[in-house]
Amino acid sequence: MGQVSQPGEQSMKKLQSAERSKCDNRSASAS
């Protein structure tokens, strides 16, 4: 039912996950 998502929504999720991994990498290398 909720499988069909708008392309904009998918790209937003991809961006968010990319930002999250970026932040994780930054904090990991900083510590």
PDB file of N, CA and C in Angstrom:
ATOM      1  N   MET A   1       0.843  -1.202   0.000  1.00  0.00           N
ATOM      2  CA  MET A   1       0.000   0.000   0.000  1.00  0.00           C
ATOM      3  C   MET A   1       0.880   1.255   0.000  1.00  0.00           C
ATOM      4  N   GLY A   2       1.786   1.325   0.934  1.00  0.00           N
ATOM      5  CA  GLY A   2       2.655   2.511   1.007  1.00  0.00           C
ATOM      6  C   GLY A   2       3.943   2.319   0.217  1.00  0.00           C
ATOM      7  N   GLN A   3       3.946   1.330  -0.681  1.00  0.00           N
ATOM      8  CA  GLN A   3       5.151   1.072  -1.452  1.00  0.00           C
ATOM      9  C   GLN A   3       5.404   2.195  -2.459  1.00  0.00           C
ATOM     10  N   VAL A   4       4.330   2.651  -3.103  1.00  0.00           N
ATOM     11  CA  VAL A   4       4.481   3.685  -4.129  1.00  0.00           C
ATOM     12  C   VAL A   4       4.712   5.039  -3.454  1.00  0.00           C
ATOM     13  N   SER A   5       5.927   5.554  -3.596  1.00  0.00           N
ATOM     14  CA  SER A   5       6.250   6.846  -2.994  1.00  0.00           C
ATOM     15  C   SER A   5       6.670   7.821  -4.085  1.00  0.00           C
ATOM     16  N   GLN A   6       6.486   9.103  -3.832  1.00  0.00           N
ATOM     17  CA  GLN A   6       6.831  10.098  -4.845  1.00  0.00           C
ATOM     18  C   GLN A   6       8.353  10.173  -5.008  1.00  0.00           C
ATOM     19  N   PRO A   7       8.838  10.413  -6.231  1.00  0.00           N
ATOM     20  CA  PRO A   7      10.290  10.497  -6.473  1.00  0.00           C
ATOM     21  C   PRO A   7      10.949  11.545  -5.590  1.00  0.00           C
ATOM     22  N   GLY A   8      10.265  12.643  -5.361  1.00  0.00           N
ATOM     23  CA  GLY A   8      10.825  13.680  -4.506  1.00  0.00           C
ATOM     24  C   GLY A   8      11.034  13.161  -3.090  1.00  0.00           C
ATOM     25  N   GLU A   9      10.073  12.359  -2.639  1.00  0.00           N
ATOM     26  CA  GLU A   9      10.183  11.807  -1.286  1.00  0.00           C
ATOM     27  C   GLU A   9      11.387  10.876  -1.196  1.00  0.00           C
ATOM     28  N   GLN A  10      11.561  10.053  -2.222  1.00  0.00           N
ATOM     29  CA  GLN A  10      12.685   9.105  -2.213  1.00  0.00           C
ATOM     30  C   GLN A  10      14.016   9.852  -2.216  1.00  0.00           C
ATOM     31  N   SER A  11      14.142  10.863  -3.047  1.00  0.00           N
ATOM     32  CA  SER A  11      15.397  11.614  -3.110  1.00  0.00           C
ATOM     33  C   SER A  11      15.659  12.314  -1.781  1.00  0.00           C
ATOM     34  N   MET A  12      14.587  12.799  -1.147  1.00  0.00           N
ATOM     35  CA  MET A  12      14.760  13.440   0.153  1.00  0.00           C
ATOM     36  C   MET A  12      15.298  12.444   1.156  1.00  0.00           C
ATOM     37  N   LYS A  13      14.750  11.234   1.145  1.00  0.00           N
ATOM     38  CA  LYS A  13      15.227  10.202   2.076  1.00  0.00           C
ATOM     39  C   LYS A  13      16.683   9.879   1.794  1.00  0.00           C
ATOM     40  N   LYS A  14      17.032   9.808   0.512  1.00  0.00           N
ATOM     41  CA  LYS A  14      18.424   9.513   0.148  1.00  0.00           C
ATOM     42  C   LYS A  14      19.337  10.627   0.655  1.00  0.00           C
ATOM     43  N   LEU A  15      18.907  11.874   0.465  1.00  0.00           N
ATOM     44  CA  LEU A  15      19.711  12.999   0.930  1.00  0.00           C
ATOM     45  C   LEU A  15      19.901  12.935   2.440  1.00  0.00           C
ATOM     46  N   GLN A  16      18.797  12.664   3.151  1.00  0.00           N
ATOM     47  CA  GLN A  16      18.876  12.615   4.612  1.00  0.00           C
ATOM     48  C   GLN A  16      19.834  11.521   5.063  1.00  0.00           C
ATOM     49  N   SER A  17      19.732  10.347   4.459  1.00  0.00           N
ATOM     50  CA  SER A  17      20.620   9.245   4.848  1.00  0.00           C
ATOM     51  C   SER A  17      22.068   9.601   4.519  1.00  0.00           C
ATOM     52  N   ALA A  18      22.287  10.281   3.391  1.00  0.00           N
ATOM     53  CA  ALA A  18      23.643  10.673   3.015  1.00  0.00           C
ATOM     54  C   ALA A  18      24.197  11.668   4.027  1.00  0.00           C
ATOM     55  N   GLU A  19      23.374  12.643   4.420  1.00  0.00           N
ATOM     56  CA  GLU A  19      23.808  13.626   5.413  1.00  0.00           C
ATOM     57  C   GLU A  19      24.117  12.937   6.731  1.00  0.00           C
ATOM     58  N   ARG A  20      23.270  11.959   7.094  1.00  0.00           N
ATOM     59  CA  ARG A  20      23.476  11.256   8.358  1.00  0.00           C
ATOM     60  C   ARG A  20      24.804  10.515   8.338  1.00  0.00           C
ATOM     61  N   SER A  21      25.082   9.810   7.246  1.00  0.00           N
ATOM     62  CA  SER A  21      26.335   9.052   7.161  1.00  0.00           C
ATOM     63  C   SER A  21      27.521  10.015   7.155  1.00  0.00           C
ATOM     64  N   LYS A  22      27.333  11.180   6.535  1.00  0.00           N
ATOM     65  CA  LYS A  22      28.406  12.178   6.519  1.00  0.00           C
ATOM     66  C   LYS A  22      28.712  12.626   7.938  1.00  0.00           C
ATOM     67  N   CYS A  23      27.663  12.932   8.691  1.00  0.00           N
ATOM     68  CA  CYS A  23      27.838  13.376  10.071  1.00  0.00           C
ATOM     69  C   CYS A  23      28.486  12.264  10.886  1.00  0.00           C
ATOM     70  N   ASP A  24      28.051  11.024  10.651  1.00  0.00           N
ATOM     71  CA  ASP A  24      28.619   9.900  11.394  1.00  0.00           C
ATOM     72  C   ASP A  24      30.116   9.789  11.100  1.00  0.00           C
ATOM     73  N   ASN A  25      30.472   9.895   9.832  1.00  0.00           N
ATOM     74  CA  ASN A  25      31.880   9.776   9.466  1.00  0.00           C
ATOM     75  C   ASN A  25      32.684  10.908  10.103  1.00  0.00           C
ATOM     76  N   ARG A  26      32.130  12.095  10.106  1.00  0.00           N
ATOM     77  CA  ARG A  26      32.840  13.242  10.651  1.00  0.00           C
ATOM     78  C   ARG A  26      33.080  13.052  12.150  1.00  0.00           C
ATOM     79  N   SER A  27      32.016  12.696  12.868  1.00  0.00           N
ATOM     80  CA  SER A  27      32.141  12.544  14.324  1.00  0.00           C
ATOM     81  C   SER A  27      33.068  11.371  14.644  1.00  0.00           C
ATOM     82  N   ALA A  28      33.011  10.323  13.819  1.00  0.00           N
ATOM     83  CA  ALA A  28      33.853   9.151  14.068  1.00  0.00           C
ATOM     84  C   ALA A  28      35.328   9.519  13.888  1.00  0.00           C
ATOM     85  N   SER A  29      35.638  10.269  12.848  1.00  0.00           N
ATOM     86  CA  SER A  29      37.036  10.632  12.597  1.00  0.00           C
ATOM     87  C   SER A  29      37.498  11.702  13.594  1.00  0.00           C
ATOM     88  N   ALA A  30      36.567  12.498  14.100  1.00  0.00           N
ATOM     89  CA  ALA A  30      36.930  13.563  15.039  1.00  0.00           C
ATOM     90  C   ALA A  30      37.243  12.983  16.411  1.00  0.00           C
ATOM     91  N   SER A  31      36.519  11.941  16.790  1.00  0.00           N
ATOM     92  CA  SER A  31      36.726  11.381  18.129  1.00  0.00           C
ATOM     93  C   SER A  31      38.063  10.650  18.197  1.00  0.00           C
TER      94      SER A  31
END
